[in-house]
Protein backbone atom coordinates (compact mmCIF):
# COMPACT_ATOMS: atom_id res chain seq x y z
CA MET A 1 32.88 9.67 -21.81
CA ALA A 2 35.50 12.39 -20.44
CA GLU A 3 34.95 16.05 -20.87
CA SER A 4 37.83 16.20 -23.28
CA LYS A 5 36.72 13.43 -25.33
CA LYS A 6 33.09 15.19 -25.94
CA CYS A 7 32.01 15.79 -29.34
CA PHE A 8 32.88 19.73 -29.88
CA TYR A 9 29.38 19.73 -32.13
CA GLU A 10 27.23 18.69 -29.50
CA ILE A 11 29.04 20.65 -26.84
CA LEU A 12 28.33 23.83 -28.85
CA GLY A 13 24.99 22.27 -29.87
CA ILE A 14 25.28 22.46 -33.94
CA SER A 15 25.76 20.39 -36.71
CA GLN A 16 28.54 18.99 -38.76
CA GLU A 17 27.54 21.24 -41.72
CA ALA A 18 27.31 24.31 -39.63
CA GLU A 19 28.83 27.85 -41.02
CA GLU A 20 30.89 30.27 -39.51
CA ASP A 21 28.28 32.39 -38.40
CA GLU A 22 26.55 29.63 -36.69
CA ILE A 23 29.85 28.43 -34.73
CA GLN A 24 30.00 32.05 -33.65
CA ALA A 25 26.35 32.44 -32.78
CA ALA A 26 26.38 28.91 -30.75
CA PHE A 27 29.33 30.00 -28.63
CA GLU A 28 28.01 33.46 -28.23
CA ALA A 29 25.12 31.66 -26.40
CA SER A 30 27.15 29.53 -24.51
CA LYS A 31 29.18 32.08 -23.32
CA GLN A 32 26.04 33.94 -22.17
CA ALA A 33 24.69 30.82 -20.28
CA PHE A 34 28.10 30.14 -18.59
CA GLU A 35 27.82 33.83 -17.28
CA VAL A 36 24.38 33.75 -15.92
CA SER A 37 25.46 30.58 -14.37
CA ASN A 38 28.51 32.10 -12.83
CA ARG A 39 26.28 34.96 -11.44
CA VAL A 40 24.01 32.80 -10.01
CA PHE A 41 26.83 31.09 -8.12
CA GLU A 42 28.38 34.15 -7.12
CA ALA A 43 24.86 35.54 -5.03
CA SER A 44 24.36 32.06 -3.83
CA LYS A 45 28.02 31.94 -2.43
CA THR A 46 27.27 35.68 -0.92
CA ALA A 47 24.03 34.02 0.53
CA PHE A 48 25.76 31.14 2.02
CA GLU A 49 28.27 33.23 3.94
CA VAL A 50 25.88 35.65 5.45
CA LEU A 51 23.05 33.16 6.27
CA ASN A 52 25.63 30.62 7.66
CA ASP A 53 26.83 33.16 10.09
CA PRO A 54 25.20 33.92 13.26
CA LYS A 55 25.90 37.28 13.62
CA LYS A 56 25.79 38.34 9.78
CA ARG A 57 22.28 36.62 9.10
CA GLY A 58 21.20 38.37 12.43
CA ALA A 59 22.27 42.14 11.00
CA TYR A 60 20.60 40.80 7.73
CA ASP A 61 17.40 40.12 8.74
CA ARG A 62 17.05 43.21 10.66
CA GLN A 63 17.82 45.56 7.83
CA LYS A 64 15.52 43.47 5.92
CA ALA A 65 12.84 43.79 8.05
CA LYS A 66 13.40 47.33 7.99
CA GLU A 67 13.22 47.56 4.50
CA ASN A 68 9.59 45.65 4.55
CA GLU A 69 8.54 47.98 6.97
CA LYS A 70 9.52 50.95 4.68
CA GLU A 71 7.91 49.13 1.80
CA LEU A 72 4.96 48.41 3.77
CA LYS A 73 4.22 52.00 4.96
CA LEU A 74 4.87 53.08 1.51
CA LYS A 75 2.31 51.06 0.21
CA ILE A 76 -0.09 51.85 2.81
CA GLN A 77 0.41 55.70 2.03
CA LYS A 78 -0.59 54.82 -1.57
CA LEU A 79 -3.68 53.26 -0.82
CA GLU A 80 -4.71 55.71 1.43
CA LYS A 81 -4.18 58.23 -1.00
CA GLU A 82 -5.97 56.15 -3.68
CA LEU A 83 -8.64 56.00 -1.53
CA GLU A 84 -9.08 59.77 -0.77
CA ASN A 85 -8.63 60.26 -4.42
CA LYS A 86 -11.57 58.08 -5.12
CA LYS A 87 -13.88 59.43 -2.27
CA SER A 88 -13.18 62.93 -3.64
CA GLN A 89 -13.98 61.55 -6.90
CA GLU A 90 -16.97 60.02 -5.58
CA LYS A 91 -18.12 63.15 -3.79
CA GLU A 92 -17.58 65.47 -6.82
CA GLU A 93 -19.31 62.91 -8.78
CA ASP A 94 -22.59 63.10 -6.34
CA ASP A 95 -22.35 66.70 -6.19
CA LYS A 96 -22.79 66.91 -9.86
CA SER A 97 -25.20 64.35 -9.50
CA ASN A 98 -27.75 66.64 -7.30
CA GLU A 99 -27.02 69.73 -8.87
CA LEU A 100 -28.45 68.23 -12.02
CA GLU A 101 -31.15 66.60 -10.05
CA LYS A 102 -32.03 69.71 -8.94
CA LEU A 103 -32.04 71.78 -11.47
CA ARG A 104 -34.19 69.53 -13.68
CA MET A 105 -36.68 69.55 -11.10
CA GLU A 106 -36.42 73.45 -11.04
CA MET A 107 -35.99 73.96 -14.75
CA GLY A 108 -38.28 71.34 -16.36
CA GLU A 109 -38.91 70.58 -19.99
CA ILE A 110 -40.28 73.90 -20.44
CA GLY A 111 -36.96 75.65 -18.64
CA GLY A 112 -35.26 73.52 -21.42
CA ALA A 113 -34.15 70.40 -19.38
CA GLY A 114 -34.85 67.37 -21.73
CA HIS A 115 -36.57 67.63 -25.23
CA PHE A 116 -39.80 69.73 -25.58
CA TRP A 117 -42.67 69.11 -28.21
CA GLY A 118 -45.39 71.03 -26.69
CA ASP A 119 -47.44 73.84 -28.01
CA ASP A 120 -44.82 76.60 -28.02
CA LYS A 121 -47.12 79.32 -29.14
CA GLU A 122 -47.03 82.55 -27.55
CA THR A 123 -47.97 82.84 -23.85
CA CYS A 124 -50.43 85.71 -24.49
CA VAL A 125 -52.54 83.38 -26.40
CA GLY A 126 -51.99 80.25 -24.25
CA GLY A 127 -48.56 79.34 -24.70
CA VAL A 128 -46.83 77.55 -21.83
CA ARG A 129 -43.67 79.81 -22.36
CA ASP A 130 -41.80 82.61 -23.68
CA TRP A 131 -38.97 82.46 -26.01
CA MET A 132 -35.50 82.47 -23.93
CA GLY A 133 -33.39 85.23 -23.38
CA ALA A 134 -29.62 85.35 -21.86
CA GLU A 135 -31.06 84.13 -18.16
CA GLU A 136 -32.90 81.34 -19.52
CA LEU A 137 -29.64 80.32 -21.37
CA LYS A 138 -27.47 80.66 -18.67
CA LYS A 139 -29.40 77.90 -16.42
CA VAL A 140 -29.51 75.58 -19.88
CA LEU A 141 -25.48 76.07 -19.84
CA ARG A 142 -25.40 74.66 -16.22
CA LEU A 143 -27.37 71.89 -16.93
CA LEU A 144 -25.20 70.64 -19.80
CA ALA A 145 -21.94 71.32 -17.43
CA ALA A 146 -23.45 69.12 -14.70
CA GLY A 147 -23.70 66.29 -16.90
CA GLN A 148 -27.21 66.82 -19.08
CA LYS A 149 -27.12 65.09 -22.34
CA LYS A 150 -30.68 66.66 -23.89
CA VAL A 151 -31.92 70.47 -23.57
CA ASN A 152 -34.19 72.13 -25.71
CA LEU A 153 -33.93 76.27 -26.81
CA LYS A 154 -36.53 78.54 -27.92
CA PHE A 155 -35.58 81.51 -29.69
CA ARG A 156 -37.15 84.17 -31.16
CA SER A 157 -36.24 84.11 -34.69
CA ARG A 158 -34.73 88.26 -34.64
CA ASP A 159 -32.79 87.89 -31.99
CA ASN A 160 -28.48 87.63 -31.94
CA LEU A 161 -27.97 86.05 -28.66
CA GLU A 162 -24.25 84.89 -26.85
CA VAL A 163 -23.94 83.56 -23.81
CA ALA A 164 -21.73 81.85 -21.81
CA GLU A 165 -21.58 80.26 -18.44
CA ALA A 166 -20.12 77.01 -16.19
CA GLY A 167 -17.38 76.73 -18.94
CA TRP A 168 -20.19 76.27 -21.72
CA THR A 169 -21.34 78.69 -24.41
CA ILE A 170 -24.28 78.74 -26.57
CA GLN A 171 -24.67 81.39 -29.82
CA PHE A 172 -27.78 82.10 -31.85
CA LYS A 173 -27.82 84.20 -34.96
CA THR A 174 -31.01 85.37 -36.76
CA THR A 175 -31.28 84.72 -40.46
CA TRP A 176 -33.51 88.07 -40.47
CA LYS A 177 -31.81 90.57 -43.21
CA GLY A 178 -32.87 93.65 -41.31
CA PHE A 179 -31.14 92.17 -38.11
CA GLY A 180 -27.56 92.33 -40.32
CA GLU A 181 -27.90 88.59 -41.49
CA ASP A 182 -28.12 86.71 -44.77
CA GLY A 183 -31.65 86.20 -45.06
CA LYS A 184 -31.31 82.30 -45.29
CA TYR A 185 -30.17 80.87 -42.28
CA PHE A 186 -30.17 80.46 -38.59
CA TYR A 187 -26.98 79.44 -37.04
CA LEU A 188 -26.28 77.94 -33.51
CA TRP A 189 -23.02 77.30 -31.90
CA ILE A 190 -22.85 75.43 -28.83
CA SER A 191 -18.93 74.58 -27.08
CA ASN A 192 -17.24 74.04 -23.93
CA LYS A 193 -13.73 74.58 -22.39
CA GLU A 194 -12.59 70.73 -23.47
CA GLY A 195 -13.35 71.64 -27.45
CA GLY A 196 -15.98 69.40 -27.32
CA ALA A 197 -19.77 69.57 -27.39
CA LYS A 198 -20.53 67.83 -31.03
CA PHE A 199 -24.31 67.58 -31.27
CA LYS A 200 -27.45 66.64 -33.06
CA ALA A 201 -30.72 68.83 -33.59
CA THR A 202 -34.31 68.94 -34.35
CA ALA A 203 -34.90 72.15 -35.67
CA GLU A 204 -38.32 73.77 -36.15
CA GLU A 205 -39.86 77.49 -37.04
CA ILE A 206 -43.13 77.97 -34.71
CA HIS A 207 -45.84 80.30 -35.52
CA PRO A 208 -46.78 82.66 -32.82
CA TRP A 209 -50.41 82.40 -32.42
CA THR A 210 -51.39 79.05 -33.65
CA GLY A 211 -47.94 77.37 -32.36
CA GLU A 212 -48.36 75.21 -35.78
CA GLU A 213 -44.54 73.78 -36.46
CA LYS A 214 -43.21 73.59 -39.72
CA ASN A 215 -40.07 73.18 -41.44
CA GLN A 216 -38.81 70.12 -39.10
CA ARG A 217 -35.10 69.33 -39.98
CA GLU A 218 -32.92 66.82 -38.26
CA LEU A 219 -29.45 68.65 -38.11
CA GLN A 220 -25.92 67.06 -37.30
CA SER A 221 -23.37 70.01 -35.71
CA GLU A 222 -20.11 70.61 -37.78
CA LYS A 223 -16.94 71.97 -36.26
CA ASP A 224 -16.23 75.50 -36.91
CA GLY A 225 -12.92 76.61 -35.18
CA THR A 226 -13.23 75.41 -31.50
CA ARG A 227 -16.96 75.12 -31.81
CA GLN A 228 -19.83 72.94 -33.01
CA ARG A 229 -22.18 74.96 -35.46
CA ILE A 230 -25.74 73.58 -37.60
CA LYS A 231 -26.70 75.84 -39.64
CA TYR A 232 -31.02 75.97 -40.59
CA GLU A 233 -32.71 77.42 -43.72
CA ILE A 234 -35.39 79.96 -42.84
CA VAL A 235 -38.71 78.38 -44.82
CA ALA A 236 -41.82 79.27 -43.16
CA CYS A 237 -40.63 83.18 -41.76
CA TYR A 238 -42.26 82.11 -38.42
CA TRP A 239 -41.62 83.81 -35.01
CA PHE A 240 -39.92 81.83 -32.88
CA VAL A 241 -37.18 78.98 -33.74
CA ARG A 242 -37.17 75.90 -31.30
CA PHE A 243 -34.40 73.28 -31.11
CA ASN A 244 -34.39 70.13 -29.31
CA ILE A 245 -30.90 69.15 -28.59
CA THR A 246 -28.87 65.82 -27.99
CA ILE A 247 -25.16 65.79 -26.82
CA LEU A 248 -23.18 63.31 -28.26
């Protein structure tokens, strides 16, 4: 069938019941297909003209080789940079891991590394450690900064302490009324520079002469400004308070 005799409905790919909007849409689609086909033809024509001429083809191949070489150099530079960053990251992680292991070995559980469930009475009556002060807490904070997830803290129940180290902070607030507090709760805050440090803790009161443990509570921290906080209600009024903490 001659092209001029071909069915117009078939040319546009529509049915005889097609509405005006369908006819318009079919025409636009056909037009776009023609434009794409025309662009492909023009590109093929240009390629033929260049590649069919030895002089033009040689110039094109040289230019293409330069572009490929430049692209390859950029890829190599990118890979070298990625490798350098990976090595730097691995070294940083190794250093952090080595520092963590060193601190764990140096401190042990009685120094705050991991959880401690041993006899925590006074050292003068056979206990294995004293309560923690600022220097001991700084070591615990360095542990946390190095990636340690489990630590333990032992406080004298009348103390108020706030210590910062390596981007982390710990604050302990006594419940003792004689030291200006509410007489009902101990408070413990932990925070880091990322604003995280959500944690859970097993809290206990420890008798100083016998090591007896009372008032064990499982506590979950809550957000308090930029820090995480737990509050622990006093019951036994013992001399020491111990927290076995897990960073979440």
